[in-house]
Amino acid sequence: MRFPARAGLRRALGARQGQIAAQFPIEAVLLGLFGGLAGAALGAATVYAYATGQRWPAAVPLVWAVAGPAVAMVVGTVAGLYSALRAAGMSPTGALRSA
């Protein structure tokens, strides 16, 4: 997915810089959160399945179950802010031309 091209299309359709600058971080935070939650769920399921197969007691510390999605959300936020600032500053024609 190329953010500048999408931003250029939105700018050409009348979106303001502030709207574009807000859209990308929101998308990135939500994608990071959902990806982190999916990863934590998959990891916990794998731990529980393996432990059950070995007849061991299974335990996933709550700190790690919360830390995974939190870190993914922070990484998504940083990536989204960078993309948002870059995309919001582009002209509509320049963004579409670079696609």
C-alpha atoms as a PDB file:
ATOM      1  CA  MET A   1       0.000   0.000   0.000  1.00  0.00           C
ATOM      2  CA  ARG A   2       1.484   3.315  -1.061  1.00  0.00           C
ATOM      3  CA  PHE A   3       0.393   6.055   1.301  1.00  0.00           C
ATOM      4  CA  PRO A   4       1.407   9.052  -0.835  1.00  0.00           C
ATOM      5  CA  ALA A   5      -0.711   7.891  -3.789  1.00  0.00           C
ATOM      6  CA  ARG A   6      -3.738   7.361  -1.578  1.00  0.00           C
ATOM      7  CA  ALA A   7      -3.187  10.730   0.065  1.00  0.00           C
ATOM      8  CA  GLY A   8      -2.841  12.381  -3.326  1.00  0.00           C
ATOM      9  CA  LEU A   9      -6.121  10.880  -4.453  1.00  0.00           C
ATOM     10  CA  ARG A  10      -7.845  12.070  -1.279  1.00  0.00           C
ATOM     11  CA  ARG A  11      -6.312  15.551  -1.696  1.00  0.00           C
ATOM     12  CA  ALA A  12      -7.480  15.654  -5.318  1.00  0.00           C
ATOM     13  CA  LEU A  13     -10.990  14.784  -4.118  1.00  0.00           C
ATOM     14  CA  GLY A  14     -10.978  17.674  -1.650  1.00  0.00           C
ATOM     15  CA  ALA A  15      -9.536  16.346   1.627  1.00  0.00           C
ATOM     16  CA  ARG A  16      -7.571  18.850   3.693  1.00  0.00           C
ATOM     17  CA  GLN A  17      -4.055  18.252   5.049  1.00  0.00           C
ATOM     18  CA  GLY A  18      -5.387  17.871   8.604  1.00  0.00           C
ATOM     19  CA  GLN A  19      -7.820  15.168   7.551  1.00  0.00           C
ATOM     20  CA  ILE A  20      -5.089  13.213   5.844  1.00  0.00           C
ATOM     21  CA  ALA A  21      -2.706  13.752   8.750  1.00  0.00           C
ATOM     22  CA  ALA A  22      -5.347  12.307  11.102  1.00  0.00           C
ATOM     23  CA  GLN A  23      -6.373   9.353   8.914  1.00  0.00           C
ATOM     24  CA  PHE A  24      -3.020   7.607   8.651  1.00  0.00           C
ATOM     25  CA  PRO A  25      -2.171   7.476  12.373  1.00  0.00           C
ATOM     26  CA  ILE A  26      -5.677   6.247  13.208  1.00  0.00           C
ATOM     27  CA  GLU A  27      -5.382   3.474  10.633  1.00  0.00           C
ATOM     28  CA  ALA A  28      -1.883   2.578  11.806  1.00  0.00           C
ATOM     29  CA  VAL A  29      -2.891   2.444  15.485  1.00  0.00           C
ATOM     30  CA  LEU A  30      -5.887   0.232  14.736  1.00  0.00           C
ATOM     31  CA  LEU A  31      -3.877  -2.075  12.484  1.00  0.00           C
ATOM     32  CA  GLY A  32      -1.154  -2.324  15.127  1.00  0.00           C
ATOM     33  CA  LEU A  33      -3.690  -3.023  17.857  1.00  0.00           C
ATOM     34  CA  PHE A  34      -5.569  -5.693  15.909  1.00  0.00           C
ATOM     35  CA  GLY A  35      -2.330  -7.266  14.693  1.00  0.00           C
ATOM     36  CA  GLY A  36      -0.945  -7.300  18.231  1.00  0.00           C
ATOM     37  CA  LEU A  37      -4.138  -8.827  19.597  1.00  0.00           C
ATOM     38  CA  ALA A  38      -4.123 -11.497  16.887  1.00  0.00           C
ATOM     39  CA  GLY A  39      -0.453 -12.252  17.567  1.00  0.00           C
ATOM     40  CA  ALA A  40      -1.013 -12.476  21.320  1.00  0.00           C
ATOM     41  CA  ALA A  41      -4.020 -14.757  20.815  1.00  0.00           C
ATOM     42  CA  LEU A  42      -2.098 -16.990  18.412  1.00  0.00           C
ATOM     43  CA  GLY A  43       0.881 -17.112  20.759  1.00  0.00           C
ATOM     44  CA  ALA A  44      -1.271 -17.970  23.776  1.00  0.00           C
ATOM     45  CA  ALA A  45      -3.126 -20.647  21.809  1.00  0.00           C
ATOM     46  CA  THR A  46       0.176 -22.166  20.725  1.00  0.00           C
ATOM     47  CA  VAL A  47       1.493 -22.203  24.299  1.00  0.00           C
ATOM     48  CA  TYR A  48      -1.680 -23.795  25.602  1.00  0.00           C
ATOM     49  CA  ALA A  49      -1.785 -26.383  22.798  1.00  0.00           C
ATOM     50  CA  TYR A  50       1.842 -27.376  23.294  1.00  0.00           C
ATOM     51  CA  ALA A  51       1.523 -27.510  27.073  1.00  0.00           C
ATOM     52  CA  THR A  52      -1.617 -29.616  26.801  1.00  0.00           C
ATOM     53  CA  GLY A  53       0.126 -31.980  24.388  1.00  0.00           C
ATOM     54  CA  GLN A  54       3.008 -32.392  26.838  1.00  0.00           C
ATOM     55  CA  ARG A  55       0.610 -32.679  29.783  1.00  0.00           C
ATOM     56  CA  TRP A  56       2.159 -29.620  31.397  1.00  0.00           C
ATOM     57  CA  PRO A  57       0.290 -26.828  33.142  1.00  0.00           C
ATOM     58  CA  ALA A  58      -0.009 -23.910  30.755  1.00  0.00           C
ATOM     59  CA  ALA A  59       0.491 -20.319  31.819  1.00  0.00           C
ATOM     60  CA  VAL A  60       0.844 -17.123  29.830  1.00  0.00           C
ATOM     61  CA  PRO A  61       1.708 -14.170  32.072  1.00  0.00           C
ATOM     62  CA  LEU A  62      -0.793 -11.337  31.779  1.00  0.00           C
ATOM     63  CA  VAL A  63       2.049  -8.827  31.475  1.00  0.00           C
ATOM     64  CA  TRP A  64       3.215 -10.433  28.226  1.00  0.00           C
ATOM     65  CA  ALA A  65      -0.322 -10.822  26.894  1.00  0.00           C
ATOM     66  CA  VAL A  66      -0.820  -7.064  27.338  1.00  0.00           C
ATOM     67  CA  ALA A  67       2.712  -5.997  26.355  1.00  0.00           C
ATOM     68  CA  GLY A  68       2.544  -7.602  22.888  1.00  0.00           C
ATOM     69  CA  PRO A  69      -0.427  -5.610  21.597  1.00  0.00           C
ATOM     70  CA  ALA A  70       0.830  -2.470  23.366  1.00  0.00           C
ATOM     71  CA  VAL A  71       4.218  -2.639  21.639  1.00  0.00           C
ATOM     72  CA  ALA A  72       2.552  -3.372  18.295  1.00  0.00           C
ATOM     73  CA  MET A  73       0.346  -0.316  18.783  1.00  0.00           C
ATOM     74  CA  VAL A  74       3.346   1.905  19.575  1.00  0.00           C
ATOM     75  CA  VAL A  75       5.204   0.686  16.483  1.00  0.00           C
ATOM     76  CA  GLY A  76       2.078   1.261  14.374  1.00  0.00           C
ATOM     77  CA  THR A  77       1.723   4.758  15.804  1.00  0.00           C
ATOM     78  CA  VAL A  78       5.303   5.714  14.973  1.00  0.00           C
ATOM     79  CA  ALA A  79       5.002   4.301  11.450  1.00  0.00           C
ATOM     80  CA  GLY A  80       1.645   6.019  10.962  1.00  0.00           C
ATOM     81  CA  LEU A  81       2.901   9.396  12.136  1.00  0.00           C
ATOM     82  CA  TYR A  82       5.837   9.277   9.758  1.00  0.00           C
ATOM     83  CA  SER A  83       3.619   8.333   6.824  1.00  0.00           C
ATOM     84  CA  ALA A  84       0.984  10.902   7.770  1.00  0.00           C
ATOM     85  CA  LEU A  85       3.437  13.775   7.934  1.00  0.00           C
ATOM     86  CA  ARG A  86       5.012  12.766   4.652  1.00  0.00           C
ATOM     87  CA  ALA A  87       1.686  12.276   2.868  1.00  0.00           C
ATOM     88  CA  ALA A  88       0.001  15.408   4.217  1.00  0.00           C
ATOM     89  CA  GLY A  89       2.798  17.623   2.950  1.00  0.00           C
ATOM     90  CA  MET A  90       2.636  16.383  -0.635  1.00  0.00           C
ATOM     91  CA  SER A  91       0.756  18.150  -3.361  1.00  0.00           C
ATOM     92  CA  PRO A  92      -2.091  16.164  -4.922  1.00  0.00           C
ATOM     93  CA  THR A  93      -0.498  16.062  -8.355  1.00  0.00           C
ATOM     94  CA  GLY A  94       2.933  15.195  -6.973  1.00  0.00           C
ATOM     95  CA  ALA A  95       1.500  12.353  -4.904  1.00  0.00           C
ATOM     96  CA  LEU A  96      -0.447  10.928  -7.829  1.00  0.00           C
ATOM     97  CA  ARG A  97       2.543  11.296 -10.132  1.00  0.00           C
ATOM     98  CA  SER A  98       4.776   9.295  -7.756  1.00  0.00           C
ATOM     99  CA  ALA A  99       2.366   6.331  -7.711  1.00  0.00           C
END
